[in-house]
Amino acid sequence: MPDYGKMYAILCAAASDALDTLPETEENRAGREILQAALDEAEEIYISDEP
């Protein structure tokens, strides 16, 4: 069975690192907001599904 917790951790860490490397410019604003919202939503789902 796939280790979804490990996959979540790897993907979220990479997305967070990518956000950290993107300059906070107007050109990047929309992309940063979309990525951050997805990270927040994934974290909420992961936390709420924990036993």
PDB file of N, CA and C in Angstrom:
ATOM      1  N   MET A   1       0.848  -1.188   0.000  1.00  0.00           N
ATOM      2  CA  MET A   1       0.000   0.000   0.000  1.00  0.00           C
ATOM      3  C   MET A   1       0.891   1.249   0.000  1.00  0.00           C
ATOM      4  N   PRO A   2       0.543   2.253  -0.788  1.00  0.00           N
ATOM      5  CA  PRO A   2       1.349   3.473  -0.841  1.00  0.00           C
ATOM      6  C   PRO A   2       1.387   4.185   0.511  1.00  0.00           C
ATOM      7  N   ASP A   3       2.503   4.786   0.794  1.00  0.00           N
ATOM      8  CA  ASP A   3       2.669   5.562   2.025  1.00  0.00           C
ATOM      9  C   ASP A   3       2.268   7.013   1.727  1.00  0.00           C
ATOM     10  N   TYR A   4       0.968   7.279   1.866  1.00  0.00           N
ATOM     11  CA  TYR A   4       0.445   8.597   1.521  1.00  0.00           C
ATOM     12  C   TYR A   4       1.007   9.698   2.409  1.00  0.00           C
ATOM     13  N   GLY A   5       1.287   9.392   3.660  1.00  0.00           N
ATOM     14  CA  GLY A   5       1.879  10.387   4.546  1.00  0.00           C
ATOM     15  C   GLY A   5       3.239  10.826   4.059  1.00  0.00           C
ATOM     16  N   LYS A   6       4.040   9.864   3.619  1.00  0.00           N
ATOM     17  CA  LYS A   6       5.376  10.192   3.105  1.00  0.00           C
ATOM     18  C   LYS A   6       5.272  10.978   1.803  1.00  0.00           C
ATOM     19  N   MET A   7       4.337  10.570   0.933  1.00  0.00           N
ATOM     20  CA  MET A   7       4.153  11.296  -0.328  1.00  0.00           C
ATOM     21  C   MET A   7       3.700  12.729  -0.060  1.00  0.00           C
ATOM     22  N   TYR A   8       2.781  12.900   0.888  1.00  0.00           N
ATOM     23  CA  TYR A   8       2.306  14.228   1.266  1.00  0.00           C
ATOM     24  C   TYR A   8       3.474  15.086   1.752  1.00  0.00           C
ATOM     25  N   ALA A   9       4.285  14.522   2.628  1.00  0.00           N
ATOM     26  CA  ALA A   9       5.407  15.272   3.195  1.00  0.00           C
ATOM     27  C   ALA A   9       6.404  15.688   2.120  1.00  0.00           C
ATOM     28  N   ILE A  10       6.709  14.799   1.209  1.00  0.00           N
ATOM     29  CA  ILE A  10       7.664  15.111   0.138  1.00  0.00           C
ATOM     30  C   ILE A  10       7.117  16.212  -0.764  1.00  0.00           C
ATOM     31  N   LEU A  11       5.879  16.057  -1.196  1.00  0.00           N
ATOM     32  CA  LEU A  11       5.287  17.032  -2.111  1.00  0.00           C
ATOM     33  C   LEU A  11       5.121  18.403  -1.464  1.00  0.00           C
ATOM     34  N   CYS A  12       4.641  18.418  -0.234  1.00  0.00           N
ATOM     35  CA  CYS A  12       4.438  19.701   0.445  1.00  0.00           C
ATOM     36  C   CYS A  12       5.756  20.388   0.754  1.00  0.00           C
ATOM     37  N   ALA A  13       6.771  19.625   1.110  1.00  0.00           N
ATOM     38  CA  ALA A  13       8.086  20.224   1.363  1.00  0.00           C
ATOM     39  C   ALA A  13       8.638  20.845   0.080  1.00  0.00           C
ATOM     40  N   ALA A  14       8.485  20.147  -1.034  1.00  0.00           N
ATOM     41  CA  ALA A  14       8.981  20.676  -2.309  1.00  0.00           C
ATOM     42  C   ALA A  14       8.202  21.925  -2.723  1.00  0.00           C
ATOM     43  N   ALA A  15       6.894  21.906  -2.546  1.00  0.00           N
ATOM     44  CA  ALA A  15       6.077  23.079  -2.897  1.00  0.00           C
ATOM     45  C   ALA A  15       6.446  24.263  -2.011  1.00  0.00           C
ATOM     46  N   SER A  16       6.669  24.000  -0.741  1.00  0.00           N
ATOM     47  CA  SER A  16       7.057  25.066   0.178  1.00  0.00           C
ATOM     48  C   SER A  16       8.426  25.637  -0.198  1.00  0.00           C
ATOM     49  N   ASP A  17       9.363  24.758  -0.540  1.00  0.00           N
ATOM     50  CA  ASP A  17      10.687  25.216  -0.982  1.00  0.00           C
ATOM     51  C   ASP A  17      10.578  26.045  -2.253  1.00  0.00           C
ATOM     52  N   ALA A  18       9.715  25.627  -3.172  1.00  0.00           N
ATOM     53  CA  ALA A  18       9.525  26.386  -4.413  1.00  0.00           C
ATOM     54  C   ALA A  18       8.964  27.775  -4.115  1.00  0.00           C
ATOM     55  N   LEU A  19       8.007  27.844  -3.197  1.00  0.00           N
ATOM     56  CA  LEU A  19       7.460  29.149  -2.801  1.00  0.00           C
ATOM     57  C   LEU A  19       8.549  30.043  -2.226  1.00  0.00           C
ATOM     58  N   ASP A  20       9.432  29.457  -1.435  1.00  0.00           N
ATOM     59  CA  ASP A  20      10.503  30.242  -0.820  1.00  0.00           C
ATOM     60  C   ASP A  20      11.465  30.815  -1.853  1.00  0.00           C
ATOM     61  N   THR A  21      11.609  30.146  -3.005  1.00  0.00           N
ATOM     62  CA  THR A  21      12.541  30.623  -4.017  1.00  0.00           C
ATOM     63  C   THR A  21      11.930  31.648  -4.963  1.00  0.00           C
ATOM     64  N   LEU A  22      10.591  31.688  -5.026  1.00  0.00           N
ATOM     65  CA  LEU A  22       9.932  32.650  -5.918  1.00  0.00           C
ATOM     66  C   LEU A  22       9.936  34.052  -5.307  1.00  0.00           C
ATOM     67  N   PRO A  23      10.465  35.007  -6.032  1.00  0.00           N
ATOM     68  CA  PRO A  23      10.416  36.378  -5.518  1.00  0.00           C
ATOM     69  C   PRO A  23       8.966  36.839  -5.354  1.00  0.00           C
ATOM     70  N   GLU A  24       8.740  37.659  -4.364  1.00  0.00           N
ATOM     71  CA  GLU A  24       7.391  38.181  -4.118  1.00  0.00           C
ATOM     72  C   GLU A  24       7.145  39.398  -4.996  1.00  0.00           C
ATOM     73  N   THR A  25       6.975  39.121  -6.292  1.00  0.00           N
ATOM     74  CA  THR A  25       6.706  40.186  -7.266  1.00  0.00           C
ATOM     75  C   THR A  25       5.263  40.088  -7.728  1.00  0.00           C
ATOM     76  N   GLU A  26       4.797  41.125  -8.376  1.00  0.00           N
ATOM     77  CA  GLU A  26       3.432  41.128  -8.899  1.00  0.00           C
ATOM     78  C   GLU A  26       3.244  40.019  -9.928  1.00  0.00           C
ATOM     79  N   GLU A  27       4.276  39.728 -10.707  1.00  0.00           N
ATOM     80  CA  GLU A  27       4.182  38.681 -11.724  1.00  0.00           C
ATOM     81  C   GLU A  27       3.981  37.301 -11.102  1.00  0.00           C
ATOM     82  N   ASN A  28       4.489  37.099  -9.901  1.00  0.00           N
ATOM     83  CA  ASN A  28       4.402  35.800  -9.230  1.00  0.00           C
ATOM     84  C   ASN A  28       3.247  35.711  -8.239  1.00  0.00           C
ATOM     85  N   ARG A  29       2.571  36.804  -8.007  1.00  0.00           N
ATOM     86  CA  ARG A  29       1.551  36.842  -6.956  1.00  0.00           C
ATOM     87  C   ARG A  29       0.489  35.765  -7.116  1.00  0.00           C
ATOM     88  N   ALA A  30      -0.118  35.673  -8.292  1.00  0.00           N
ATOM     89  CA  ALA A  30      -1.203  34.709  -8.503  1.00  0.00           C
ATOM     90  C   ALA A  30      -0.715  33.279  -8.308  1.00  0.00           C
ATOM     91  N   GLY A  31       0.435  32.960  -8.861  1.00  0.00           N
ATOM     92  CA  GLY A  31       0.981  31.609  -8.712  1.00  0.00           C
ATOM     93  C   GLY A  31       1.302  31.274  -7.270  1.00  0.00           C
ATOM     94  N   ARG A  32       1.865  32.233  -6.558  1.00  0.00           N
ATOM     95  CA  ARG A  32       2.177  32.018  -5.141  1.00  0.00           C
ATOM     96  C   ARG A  32       0.904  31.796  -4.332  1.00  0.00           C
ATOM     97  N   GLU A  33      -0.143  32.578  -4.617  1.00  0.00           N
ATOM     98  CA  GLU A  33      -1.406  32.439  -3.884  1.00  0.00           C
ATOM     99  C   GLU A  33      -2.066  31.081  -4.148  1.00  0.00           C
ATOM    100  N   ILE A  34      -2.040  30.633  -5.400  1.00  0.00           N
ATOM    101  CA  ILE A  34      -2.615  29.333  -5.748  1.00  0.00           C
ATOM    102  C   ILE A  34      -1.863  28.214  -5.039  1.00  0.00           C
ATOM    103  N   LEU A  35      -0.554  28.263  -5.092  1.00  0.00           N
ATOM    104  CA  LEU A  35       0.269  27.225  -4.462  1.00  0.00           C
ATOM    105  C   LEU A  35       0.101  27.227  -2.948  1.00  0.00           C
ATOM    106  N   GLN A  36       0.068  28.387  -2.341  1.00  0.00           N
ATOM    107  CA  GLN A  36      -0.094  28.467  -0.886  1.00  0.00           C
ATOM    108  C   GLN A  36      -1.469  27.958  -0.465  1.00  0.00           C
ATOM    109  N   ALA A  37      -2.498  28.303  -1.225  1.00  0.00           N
ATOM    110  CA  ALA A  37      -3.844  27.825  -0.905  1.00  0.00           C
ATOM    111  C   ALA A  37      -3.921  26.308  -1.001  1.00  0.00           C
ATOM    112  N   ALA A  38      -3.276  25.726  -2.003  1.00  0.00           N
ATOM    113  CA  ALA A  38      -3.268  24.273  -2.146  1.00  0.00           C
ATOM    114  C   ALA A  38      -2.522  23.616  -0.986  1.00  0.00           C
ATOM    115  N   LEU A  39      -1.413  24.203  -0.575  1.00  0.00           N
ATOM    116  CA  LEU A  39      -0.676  23.681   0.583  1.00  0.00           C
ATOM    117  C   LEU A  39      -1.530  23.738   1.845  1.00  0.00           C
ATOM    118  N   ASP A  40      -2.200  24.848   2.048  1.00  0.00           N
ATOM    119  CA  ASP A  40      -3.058  24.998   3.232  1.00  0.00           C
ATOM    120  C   ASP A  40      -4.194  23.975   3.220  1.00  0.00           C
ATOM    121  N   GLU A  41      -4.803  23.782   2.047  1.00  0.00           N
ATOM    122  CA  GLU A  41      -5.914  22.830   1.942  1.00  0.00           C
ATOM    123  C   GLU A  41      -5.432  21.393   2.169  1.00  0.00           C
ATOM    124  N   ALA A  42      -4.286  21.047   1.578  1.00  0.00           N
ATOM    125  CA  ALA A  42      -3.740  19.703   1.760  1.00  0.00           C
ATOM    126  C   ALA A  42      -3.397  19.441   3.220  1.00  0.00           C
ATOM    127  N   GLU A  43      -2.847  20.442   3.884  1.00  0.00           N
ATOM    128  CA  GLU A  43      -2.517  20.294   5.298  1.00  0.00           C
ATOM    129  C   GLU A  43      -3.775  20.077   6.138  1.00  0.00           C
ATOM    130  N   GLU A  44      -4.810  20.829   5.843  1.00  0.00           N
ATOM    131  CA  GLU A  44      -6.061  20.687   6.593  1.00  0.00           C
ATOM    132  C   GLU A  44      -6.666  19.313   6.393  1.00  0.00           C
ATOM    133  N   ILE A  45      -6.669  18.822   5.167  1.00  0.00           N
ATOM    134  CA  ILE A  45      -7.197  17.481   4.886  1.00  0.00           C
ATOM    135  C   ILE A  45      -6.361  16.430   5.600  1.00  0.00           C
ATOM    136  N   TYR A  46      -5.057  16.555   5.520  1.00  0.00           N
ATOM    137  CA  TYR A  46      -4.164  15.573   6.146  1.00  0.00           C
ATOM    138  C   TYR A  46      -4.376  15.528   7.656  1.00  0.00           C
ATOM    139  N   ILE A  47      -4.460  16.689   8.272  1.00  0.00           N
ATOM    140  CA  ILE A  47      -4.654  16.760   9.732  1.00  0.00           C
ATOM    141  C   ILE A  47      -6.017  16.207  10.127  1.00  0.00           C
ATOM    142  N   SER A  48      -7.054  16.562   9.381  1.00  0.00           N
ATOM    143  CA  SER A  48      -8.397  16.129   9.751  1.00  0.00           C
ATOM    144  C   SER A  48      -8.625  14.640   9.531  1.00  0.00           C
ATOM    145  N   ASP A  49      -7.832  14.006   8.679  1.00  0.00           N
ATOM    146  CA  ASP A  49      -7.965  12.571   8.405  1.00  0.00           C
ATOM    147  C   ASP A  49      -7.105  11.706   9.306  1.00  0.00           C
ATOM    148  N   GLU A  50      -6.290  12.313  10.153  1.00  0.00           N
ATOM    149  CA  GLU A  50      -5.458  11.534  11.064  1.00  0.00           C
ATOM    150  C   GLU A  50      -6.315  10.853  12.117  1.00  0.00           C
ATOM    151  N   PRO A  51      -5.979   9.614  12.462  1.00  0.00           N
ATOM    152  CA  PRO A  51      -6.769   8.909  13.501  1.00  0.00           C
ATOM    153  C   PRO A  51      -6.615   9.520  14.871  1.00  0.00           C
TER     154      PRO A  51
END
